[in-house]
Structures are given as C-alpha cells and as structure tokens.
Amino acid sequence: MVFRRLSPRLAGVLALLLVMVFPLALDVRAGSLVAGKGPSHHLASGFRNPGTEYSYTMLHRAKRLFTGPRRAKPTVGVAPLSNDGAELRANGQSPTVTWVGHSTFLVQLDGVNILTDPHWGDTTSPVRFAGPRRIVRPGLAFEHLPRIHAVVISHDHYDHLDDETVRRLAREHDPRFFVPLGLKAWLADRGITNVVEMDWWEERAYRGVTFVCTPAQHSSGRTFRDQNMRLWSSWVAIGRDRKMFFAGDTGYTPALKEIGKLGPFDLALVPVGGYSGYEGRHHPNHVNPEEAVQLFEDVGGRLMVPMHWGTFDLNREPANEPPGRVLAEGLRRGLEERIAILSPGQSLHW
C-alpha cells in the first residue's frame, strides 16, 4: 500500500532494498544434511560450502551493511581498449582470452568459443533503474561476438547471471549452457533449453572440449526465498593441449586445492575484487588479491588473469586497487611474469 504513494523510481529502490535486506535474516549455513544420501555439500534443502570452517550468516552481513566501514563507490574504471572482434571472429584454433568486463570473458579453445558469466547489462540488480551500475562499458560489443558455442555460469547472483544477456545469447547464438545444479529450471522458465546441469566434479564433453563443474566457496540466491537453493561452482575446460580454470566467485579455502588435480592450468581466471570491509581479514565469500594469488598457486595455474574488478560500482574498493595488490603479491612471490592484468576489450593468446 505504501508503494502506491511513492514515485515509481523510489518504489523500485525500496523494492530493491527489500530484496537485499530480507535475506539478511537467514543463515547461509541453515539446513540439514540428507542422512546417508548424496554428497556432503547437498542439504535436505539447498547446498552448502565445501569447507567446514565456512561461516557467513545473513545477520553478520546485515551488521556489516549497516555498521561496517564506509568507502565511496568507485565512479571511474579502466578505459576499455578498442576491439571490433574481427580477429576473434576470424580465429580458428588459436587459444585466446578476451576480457569483456567483471567476470565475463570470451575464451577461444580448439575452435570452441566460450563465454563465462556473460553480462552485458547496465546494472547488477533485479531492476534496470536502480542498483549497482556499470562504470565501464563492455570491452567487446555483443554484436561483435563470434558465434558462441558454450556458456558457463558459476552461480545466480545478479552480477554473474544477467537475465537479458542470457536470453539474447539463446536467441541469437543458441549456445550450450553449462550450469550448476538448480539453474536448468531457471533457464527453462525463460525458454532456454539447450542446458547441461552439473554437480561438482561432474564432466561433459562438447565439441571436443571437456567441461568440469568444480567447487567454489560462495552462495547463491536472487530473492529472499531462494537463498542457497541453487548450487554455485567454478569451472574447468580441457582441450587437446590446453586447460582453463574459471574460478567464478569464491572465498579462499584450502579445500579448493583439490581442483589442482585436474591441472596444471594454462589459464586461470581468478576474482580479485569485492573484499572491501575486510581489509587485513578473510572475507568468506570473496578472495582478496593476496588470497587470489594463493588460489592461483593452489590449483597449479601457469598464467593468471584477474577478474571481478573495476567494472561495476558493486565493489567498494577503488577500481585500480585490486590489480595493484595482485601485482605486488605476485612480485613478492616471484610470480609477476605469470600475471596478466587485462583492460576491458584486451585479448591475449595463451
């Protein structure tokens, strides 16, 4: 009733806040194991993280949201490079990676064009007129993409799963979507049926590339009603003589070292932003730059490309802070030559 007396814009903002705040009364550890049935990360209702030390309650998030340190949102990011996609569309077999922005990459492997967590939208929220906004345009225009054969989705959060983008991909490219458990039904509700749904450690071959769904330490949910009801994951793509690791969105846990058994990885795409408010401490859901480098070493990466930074005003740390800290940590460990900081639109052969 109150919303009727507000302007549509303000009502939308309040609705967005409700979507964000209602889940704060929940505990991401809630749920009980199915006794004697299924993997340990399966609950009677929903899923849980691999490490037993994980704790990130919604009440803790609420406290941090309202009482935590304040840092201004970044308003300017790294300027994208000019990339009209011509070389990418002409490419046959050469392995390349192109950073579109945030966690969206175009990866070319053995003639297969793969998109990770595709997002060409202007906001990362349930509505287009409110919420975290894009501060850097996509490094590659959607219409300049080569034919997309496969899409991997790490989880359902708004900055990794954009409704309009996946609908357009399905309509114009009809790729095979590889998703963790629970997302097949979400995509089917949008008329997207070319979907392979997988649990951690399951694998599927497609067009000569093997896709493996691997663990991550994170969470899921797009409303207060579906918290952790869909699985979250990282991904591995294995070609003839190259291997790629896409970490998705994750906090640090030694449990992810097991992914290294599938490596070593010629290319590791690792998140480095979203840790603001946890300076000098461990963020349960997001690795900080130093932990990102540790994860890179844990899984046996040969070339690290940082992601999840400088694209949206979602993260509170300055846009250029994460890559600077990553390079400093790489230098400290003698790994600086194995870390490539890309600008949006920049392509790299790997």
Protein backbone atom coordinates (compact mmCIF):
# COMPACT_ATOMS: atom_id res chain seq x y z
CA MET A 1 0.00 0.00 0.00
CA VAL A 2 2.81 2.41 0.83
CA PHE A 3 4.45 1.92 -2.58
CA ARG A 4 1.35 3.38 -4.28
CA ARG A 5 2.04 6.77 -2.72
CA LEU A 6 5.67 6.81 -3.87
CA SER A 7 7.12 7.68 -7.23
CA PRO A 8 7.82 4.63 -9.41
CA ARG A 9 11.57 5.21 -9.11
CA LEU A 10 11.55 5.44 -5.31
CA ALA A 11 9.22 2.47 -5.05
CA GLY A 12 11.65 0.49 -7.16
CA VAL A 13 14.57 1.46 -4.96
CA LEU A 14 12.67 0.36 -1.85
CA ALA A 15 11.71 -2.89 -3.55
CA LEU A 16 15.37 -3.47 -4.35
CA LEU A 17 16.31 -2.84 -0.72
CA LEU A 18 13.70 -5.34 0.41
CA VAL A 19 15.13 -7.95 -1.95
CA MET A 20 18.57 -7.27 -0.50
CA VAL A 21 17.63 -7.00 3.18
CA PHE A 22 15.06 -9.79 3.69
CA PRO A 23 17.69 -12.50 3.13
CA LEU A 24 19.73 -10.96 5.93
CA ALA A 25 17.51 -12.70 8.44
CA LEU A 26 18.61 -16.07 7.10
CA ASP A 27 21.71 -18.12 7.85
CA VAL A 28 23.63 -19.39 4.84
CA ARG A 29 24.62 -22.42 6.92
CA ALA A 30 20.99 -23.32 7.57
CA GLY A 31 19.68 -26.74 6.57
CA SER A 32 20.45 -30.30 7.48
CA LEU A 33 22.31 -32.98 5.61
CA VAL A 34 20.37 -35.71 3.89
CA ALA A 35 21.35 -38.60 6.13
CA GLY A 36 23.47 -41.07 4.23
CA LYS A 37 22.43 -39.70 0.87
CA GLY A 38 24.30 -37.66 -1.68
CA PRO A 39 27.50 -35.60 -1.49
CA SER A 40 28.39 -33.68 1.66
CA HIS A 41 27.60 -30.30 0.06
CA HIS A 42 23.97 -31.34 -0.51
CA LEU A 43 21.46 -30.37 2.19
CA ALA A 44 17.92 -31.57 2.67
CA SER A 45 17.03 -28.28 1.05
CA GLY A 46 19.73 -26.49 -0.92
CA PHE A 47 23.50 -26.62 -0.72
CA ARG A 48 26.45 -25.70 1.49
CA ASN A 49 30.13 -24.89 1.05
CA PRO A 50 32.96 -27.46 0.96
CA GLY A 51 34.95 -26.18 3.94
CA THR A 52 33.57 -26.91 7.42
CA GLU A 53 35.15 -23.66 8.66
CA TYR A 54 32.84 -21.53 6.47
CA SER A 55 30.63 -19.06 8.32
CA TYR A 56 28.88 -16.09 6.75
CA THR A 57 25.47 -15.65 8.32
CA MET A 58 22.96 -13.21 6.89
CA LEU A 59 22.77 -11.47 10.25
CA HIS A 60 26.51 -10.88 10.03
CA ARG A 61 26.02 -9.43 6.55
CA ALA A 62 23.29 -7.12 7.86
CA LYS A 63 25.53 -5.86 10.65
CA ARG A 64 28.34 -5.20 8.18
CA LEU A 65 25.94 -3.49 5.77
CA PHE A 66 24.62 -1.03 8.32
CA THR A 67 27.56 -0.60 10.72
CA GLY A 68 30.63 -1.51 8.66
CA PRO A 69 33.26 0.93 7.36
CA ARG A 70 32.12 3.27 4.62
CA ARG A 71 34.02 3.62 1.36
CA ALA A 72 32.71 5.63 -1.54
CA LYS A 73 31.65 3.69 -4.61
CA PRO A 74 34.14 3.92 -7.48
CA THR A 75 32.84 6.11 -10.29
CA VAL A 76 35.55 5.55 -12.90
CA GLY A 77 37.15 2.31 -14.05
CA VAL A 78 39.83 1.30 -16.54
CA ALA A 79 39.08 2.60 -20.02
CA PRO A 80 38.33 -0.25 -22.44
CA LEU A 81 40.52 -0.87 -25.45
CA SER A 82 39.09 -0.72 -28.95
CA ASN A 83 38.15 -4.20 -30.12
CA ASP A 84 35.77 -4.73 -33.03
CA GLY A 85 36.01 -8.51 -32.70
CA ALA A 86 37.22 -9.03 -36.29
CA GLU A 87 40.28 -11.08 -35.31
CA LEU A 88 38.25 -13.10 -32.84
CA ARG A 89 35.60 -13.91 -35.44
CA ALA A 90 38.31 -14.93 -37.92
CA ASN A 91 40.21 -17.03 -35.39
CA GLY A 92 40.15 -20.77 -35.98
CA GLN A 93 42.19 -22.77 -33.48
CA SER A 94 44.47 -20.32 -31.65
CA PRO A 95 43.66 -20.18 -27.90
CA THR A 96 42.74 -16.63 -26.84
CA VAL A 97 41.09 -14.93 -23.89
CA THR A 98 39.35 -11.54 -24.09
CA TRP A 99 38.14 -9.68 -21.01
CA VAL A 100 34.70 -8.18 -21.61
CA GLY A 101 34.41 -6.95 -18.02
CA HIS A 102 33.79 -8.14 -14.44
CA SER A 103 33.62 -11.97 -14.73
CA THR A 104 32.75 -12.08 -18.42
CA PHE A 105 35.43 -13.49 -20.74
CA LEU A 106 35.40 -14.78 -24.26
CA VAL A 107 37.66 -17.83 -24.22
CA GLN A 108 38.61 -19.49 -27.50
CA LEU A 109 39.83 -23.07 -27.17
CA ASP A 110 40.23 -25.60 -30.00
CA GLY A 111 37.81 -23.71 -32.20
CA VAL A 112 35.16 -23.51 -29.46
CA ASN A 113 34.01 -20.04 -28.39
CA ILE A 114 33.16 -19.99 -24.68
CA LEU A 115 31.63 -17.20 -22.60
CA THR A 116 31.99 -17.09 -18.82
CA ASP A 117 29.24 -15.49 -16.68
CA PRO A 118 28.04 -13.30 -19.57
CA HIS A 119 26.84 -9.84 -18.55
CA TRP A 120 26.22 -7.00 -20.99
CA GLY A 121 23.67 -5.24 -18.77
CA ASP A 122 23.93 -1.78 -17.24
CA THR A 123 23.11 -2.83 -13.66
CA THR A 124 23.57 -5.83 -11.37
CA SER A 125 20.15 -5.86 -9.73
CA PRO A 126 16.57 -7.11 -10.20
CA VAL A 127 15.63 -3.80 -11.84
CA ARG A 128 17.32 -1.74 -14.53
CA PHE A 129 16.80 1.69 -12.99
CA ALA A 130 18.42 1.04 -9.60
CA GLY A 131 21.24 -0.94 -8.05
CA PRO A 132 24.97 -1.21 -8.75
CA ARG A 133 25.73 0.33 -12.13
CA ARG A 134 28.28 -0.38 -14.82
CA ILE A 135 31.08 2.20 -14.77
CA VAL A 136 32.97 0.75 -17.75
CA ARG A 137 31.26 -0.26 -20.98
CA PRO A 138 31.77 -3.86 -22.17
CA GLY A 139 35.16 -4.35 -23.78
CA LEU A 140 33.55 -6.16 -26.69
CA ALA A 141 30.14 -5.18 -28.05
CA PHE A 142 27.63 -8.01 -28.07
CA GLU A 143 27.10 -7.68 -31.81
CA HIS A 144 30.85 -8.12 -32.38
CA LEU A 145 30.98 -11.56 -30.78
CA PRO A 146 31.94 -14.59 -32.84
CA ARG A 147 29.47 -17.47 -32.87
CA ILE A 148 29.22 -18.56 -29.24
CA HIS A 149 29.20 -22.32 -28.80
CA ALA A 150 29.25 -22.69 -25.00
CA VAL A 151 28.43 -20.63 -21.91
CA VAL A 152 29.47 -21.48 -18.35
CA ILE A 153 27.58 -19.95 -15.42
CA SER A 154 29.14 -20.01 -11.96
CA HIS A 155 26.07 -19.00 -9.92
CA ASP A 156 22.88 -16.96 -9.97
CA HIS A 157 23.91 -13.66 -8.38
CA TYR A 158 22.94 -10.64 -10.47
CA ASP A 159 26.50 -9.64 -11.36
CA HIS A 160 27.16 -13.11 -12.80
CA LEU A 161 23.81 -14.08 -14.32
CA ASP A 162 22.10 -11.35 -16.33
CA ASP A 163 18.59 -12.19 -17.49
CA GLU A 164 18.56 -10.07 -20.64
CA THR A 165 22.04 -11.22 -21.70
CA VAL A 166 21.33 -14.96 -21.49
CA ARG A 167 18.00 -14.51 -23.30
CA ARG A 168 19.77 -12.68 -26.13
CA LEU A 169 22.51 -15.30 -26.29
CA ALA A 170 19.98 -18.09 -26.55
CA ARG A 171 18.03 -16.20 -29.21
CA GLU A 172 20.96 -15.16 -31.41
CA HIS A 173 23.60 -17.85 -30.78
CA ASP A 174 21.83 -20.88 -29.23
CA PRO A 175 24.92 -21.96 -27.25
CA ARG A 176 25.10 -24.92 -24.91
CA PHE A 177 24.74 -23.59 -21.35
CA PHE A 178 26.74 -25.39 -18.66
CA VAL A 179 25.31 -24.60 -15.23
CA PRO A 180 25.46 -25.88 -11.64
CA LEU A 181 22.52 -27.71 -10.10
CA GLY A 182 19.27 -25.77 -9.92
CA LEU A 183 19.84 -23.35 -12.77
CA LYS A 184 18.41 -25.52 -15.53
CA ALA A 185 14.86 -24.84 -14.30
CA TRP A 186 15.60 -21.10 -14.00
CA LEU A 187 16.75 -21.01 -17.62
CA ALA A 188 13.83 -23.18 -18.76
CA ASP A 189 11.43 -20.60 -17.30
CA ARG A 190 12.95 -18.21 -19.85
CA GLY A 191 12.58 -20.60 -22.74
CA ILE A 192 16.27 -21.65 -22.71
CA THR A 193 16.52 -25.42 -23.05
CA ASN A 194 19.99 -26.09 -24.51
CA VAL A 195 21.31 -26.61 -20.99
CA VAL A 196 23.54 -29.13 -19.24
CA GLU A 197 23.15 -29.06 -15.45
CA MET A 198 26.00 -30.49 -13.38
CA ASP A 199 27.10 -31.16 -9.82
CA TRP A 200 30.63 -30.61 -8.54
CA TRP A 201 33.14 -32.96 -10.19
CA GLU A 202 30.80 -33.99 -12.97
CA GLU A 203 32.09 -33.57 -16.51
CA ARG A 204 30.66 -33.38 -20.01
CA ALA A 205 32.33 -33.31 -23.41
CA TYR A 206 31.11 -30.86 -26.05
CA ARG A 207 32.64 -30.13 -29.46
CA GLY A 208 35.91 -31.77 -28.35
CA VAL A 209 36.23 -29.75 -25.10
CA THR A 210 35.58 -31.32 -21.69
CA PHE A 211 33.75 -29.11 -19.19
CA VAL A 212 34.11 -29.96 -15.50
CA CYS A 213 31.97 -28.40 -12.78
CA THR A 214 34.26 -27.77 -9.79
CA PRO A 215 33.69 -26.40 -6.27
CA ALA A 216 33.76 -22.80 -5.05
CA GLN A 217 33.17 -21.20 -1.66
CA HIS A 218 30.30 -18.80 -2.12
CA SER A 219 26.50 -18.67 -2.01
CA SER A 220 23.51 -18.20 -4.28
CA GLY A 221 20.10 -16.56 -4.44
CA ARG A 222 18.26 -13.83 -6.33
CA THR A 223 15.46 -13.23 -3.79
CA PHE A 224 14.90 -13.84 -0.09
CA ARG A 225 13.06 -17.07 -0.99
CA ASP A 226 15.81 -18.90 -2.90
CA GLN A 227 18.93 -18.42 -0.81
CA ASN A 228 21.40 -21.26 -1.50
CA MET A 229 18.75 -23.31 -3.32
CA ARG A 230 20.92 -23.39 -6.47
CA LEU A 231 24.49 -24.60 -6.45
CA TRP A 232 27.50 -22.33 -7.09
CA SER A 233 30.67 -23.51 -8.79
CA SER A 234 33.92 -22.85 -10.58
CA TRP A 235 34.63 -24.43 -13.97
CA VAL A 236 37.40 -26.23 -15.83
CA ALA A 237 37.62 -26.51 -19.62
CA ILE A 238 40.02 -29.10 -21.02
CA GLY A 239 41.06 -29.05 -24.68
CA ARG A 240 43.52 -31.08 -26.68
CA ASP A 241 46.63 -29.49 -25.17
CA ARG A 242 45.33 -26.56 -23.09
CA LYS A 243 43.42 -26.33 -19.83
CA MET A 244 41.49 -23.36 -18.45
CA PHE A 245 40.27 -22.73 -14.88
CA PHE A 246 37.48 -20.20 -14.26
CA ALA A 247 37.12 -19.61 -10.52
CA GLY A 248 33.71 -17.93 -10.71
CA ASP A 249 33.15 -16.15 -7.39
CA THR A 250 34.77 -17.62 -4.31
CA GLY A 251 36.26 -17.07 -0.92
CA TYR A 252 39.51 -18.76 -0.01
CA THR A 253 39.55 -22.29 1.36
CA PRO A 254 42.28 -24.94 1.16
CA ALA A 255 39.55 -27.34 0.03
CA LEU A 256 39.86 -25.86 -3.48
CA LYS A 257 43.37 -27.28 -3.80
CA GLU A 258 41.71 -30.49 -4.95
CA ILE A 259 40.85 -28.76 -8.23
CA GLY A 260 44.58 -28.75 -8.96
CA LYS A 261 44.35 -32.50 -9.65
CA LEU A 262 42.78 -31.54 -12.98
CA GLY A 263 45.63 -29.15 -13.80
CA PRO A 264 48.06 -27.66 -14.28
CA PHE A 265 46.05 -24.88 -15.92
CA ASP A 266 47.49 -22.89 -18.77
CA LEU A 267 44.98 -20.13 -17.99
CA ALA A 268 43.43 -19.30 -14.61
CA LEU A 269 40.72 -16.62 -14.40
CA VAL A 270 40.58 -15.59 -10.74
CA PRO A 271 38.43 -12.95 -8.96
CA VAL A 272 40.30 -10.26 -7.04
CA GLY A 273 37.66 -7.69 -6.01
CA GLY A 274 34.77 -7.42 -3.58
CA TYR A 275 36.71 -7.66 -0.32
CA SER A 276 36.12 -4.09 0.92
CA GLY A 277 35.26 -4.01 4.60
CA TYR A 278 37.52 -6.98 5.26
CA GLU A 279 40.89 -5.27 4.83
CA GLY A 280 43.50 -7.42 6.52
CA ARG A 281 40.92 -10.14 7.24
CA HIS A 282 39.43 -13.15 5.47
CA HIS A 283 36.21 -12.47 3.55
CA PRO A 284 34.17 -15.71 3.50
CA ASN A 285 32.73 -15.16 0.00
CA HIS A 286 35.43 -13.23 -1.88
CA VAL A 287 39.17 -13.76 -2.09
CA ASN A 288 41.22 -10.64 -1.62
CA PRO A 289 44.11 -10.05 -4.05
CA GLU A 290 46.65 -11.87 -1.92
CA GLU A 291 44.35 -14.87 -1.46
CA ALA A 292 43.66 -14.84 -5.20
CA VAL A 293 47.36 -15.35 -5.89
CA GLN A 294 47.43 -18.14 -3.32
CA LEU A 295 44.45 -19.80 -5.04
CA PHE A 296 46.25 -19.45 -8.37
CA GLU A 297 49.19 -21.37 -6.93
CA ASP A 298 46.96 -23.88 -5.13
CA VAL A 299 45.31 -25.06 -8.35
CA GLY A 300 48.52 -25.10 -10.39
CA GLY A 301 47.96 -22.09 -12.61
CA ARG A 302 50.54 -21.05 -15.19
CA LEU A 303 49.00 -17.71 -16.28
CA MET A 304 46.66 -15.73 -14.04
CA VAL A 305 44.19 -13.17 -15.38
CA PRO A 306 42.40 -11.25 -12.58
CA MET A 307 38.68 -10.53 -12.88
CA HIS A 308 35.73 -9.25 -10.82
CA TRP A 309 37.14 -5.73 -10.51
CA GLY A 310 36.74 -2.25 -11.98
CA THR A 311 33.53 -2.85 -13.99
CA PHE A 312 30.54 -2.10 -11.74
CA ASP A 313 30.18 0.16 -8.72
CA LEU A 314 29.31 -3.03 -6.85
CA ASN A 315 32.66 -3.31 -5.08
CA ARG A 316 33.63 -0.54 -2.65
CA GLU A 317 37.39 -0.68 -3.06
CA PRO A 318 38.92 1.76 -5.58
CA ALA A 319 38.76 0.37 -9.11
CA ASN A 320 42.55 0.19 -9.51
CA GLU A 321 43.33 -1.19 -6.05
CA PRO A 322 42.83 -4.96 -6.68
CA PRO A 323 45.20 -5.29 -9.68
CA GLY A 324 47.84 -3.23 -7.90
CA ARG A 325 47.73 -5.51 -4.88
CA VAL A 326 47.77 -8.61 -7.09
CA LEU A 327 50.92 -7.45 -8.85
CA ALA A 328 52.55 -6.55 -5.55
CA GLU A 329 51.79 -10.02 -4.20
CA GLY A 330 53.00 -11.60 -7.43
CA LEU A 331 56.26 -9.67 -7.16
CA ARG A 332 56.68 -10.78 -3.55
CA ARG A 333 56.28 -14.41 -4.60
CA GLY A 334 58.31 -14.11 -7.80
CA LEU A 335 55.25 -14.70 -9.97
CA GLU A 336 54.85 -11.28 -11.56
CA GLU A 337 55.63 -12.56 -15.08
CA ARG A 338 52.79 -15.07 -14.79
CA ILE A 339 50.11 -12.46 -14.01
CA ALA A 340 48.43 -10.56 -16.85
CA ILE A 341 46.29 -7.53 -15.95
CA LEU A 342 43.95 -7.01 -18.91
CA SER A 343 41.99 -3.93 -19.87
CA PRO A 344 38.39 -4.47 -20.97
CA GLY A 345 38.49 -5.44 -24.64
CA GLN A 346 42.07 -6.69 -24.49
CA SER A 347 42.81 -10.11 -25.98
CA LEU A 348 45.66 -12.40 -25.06
CA HIS A 349 46.96 -15.60 -26.64
CA TRP A 350 47.52 -18.32 -24.06
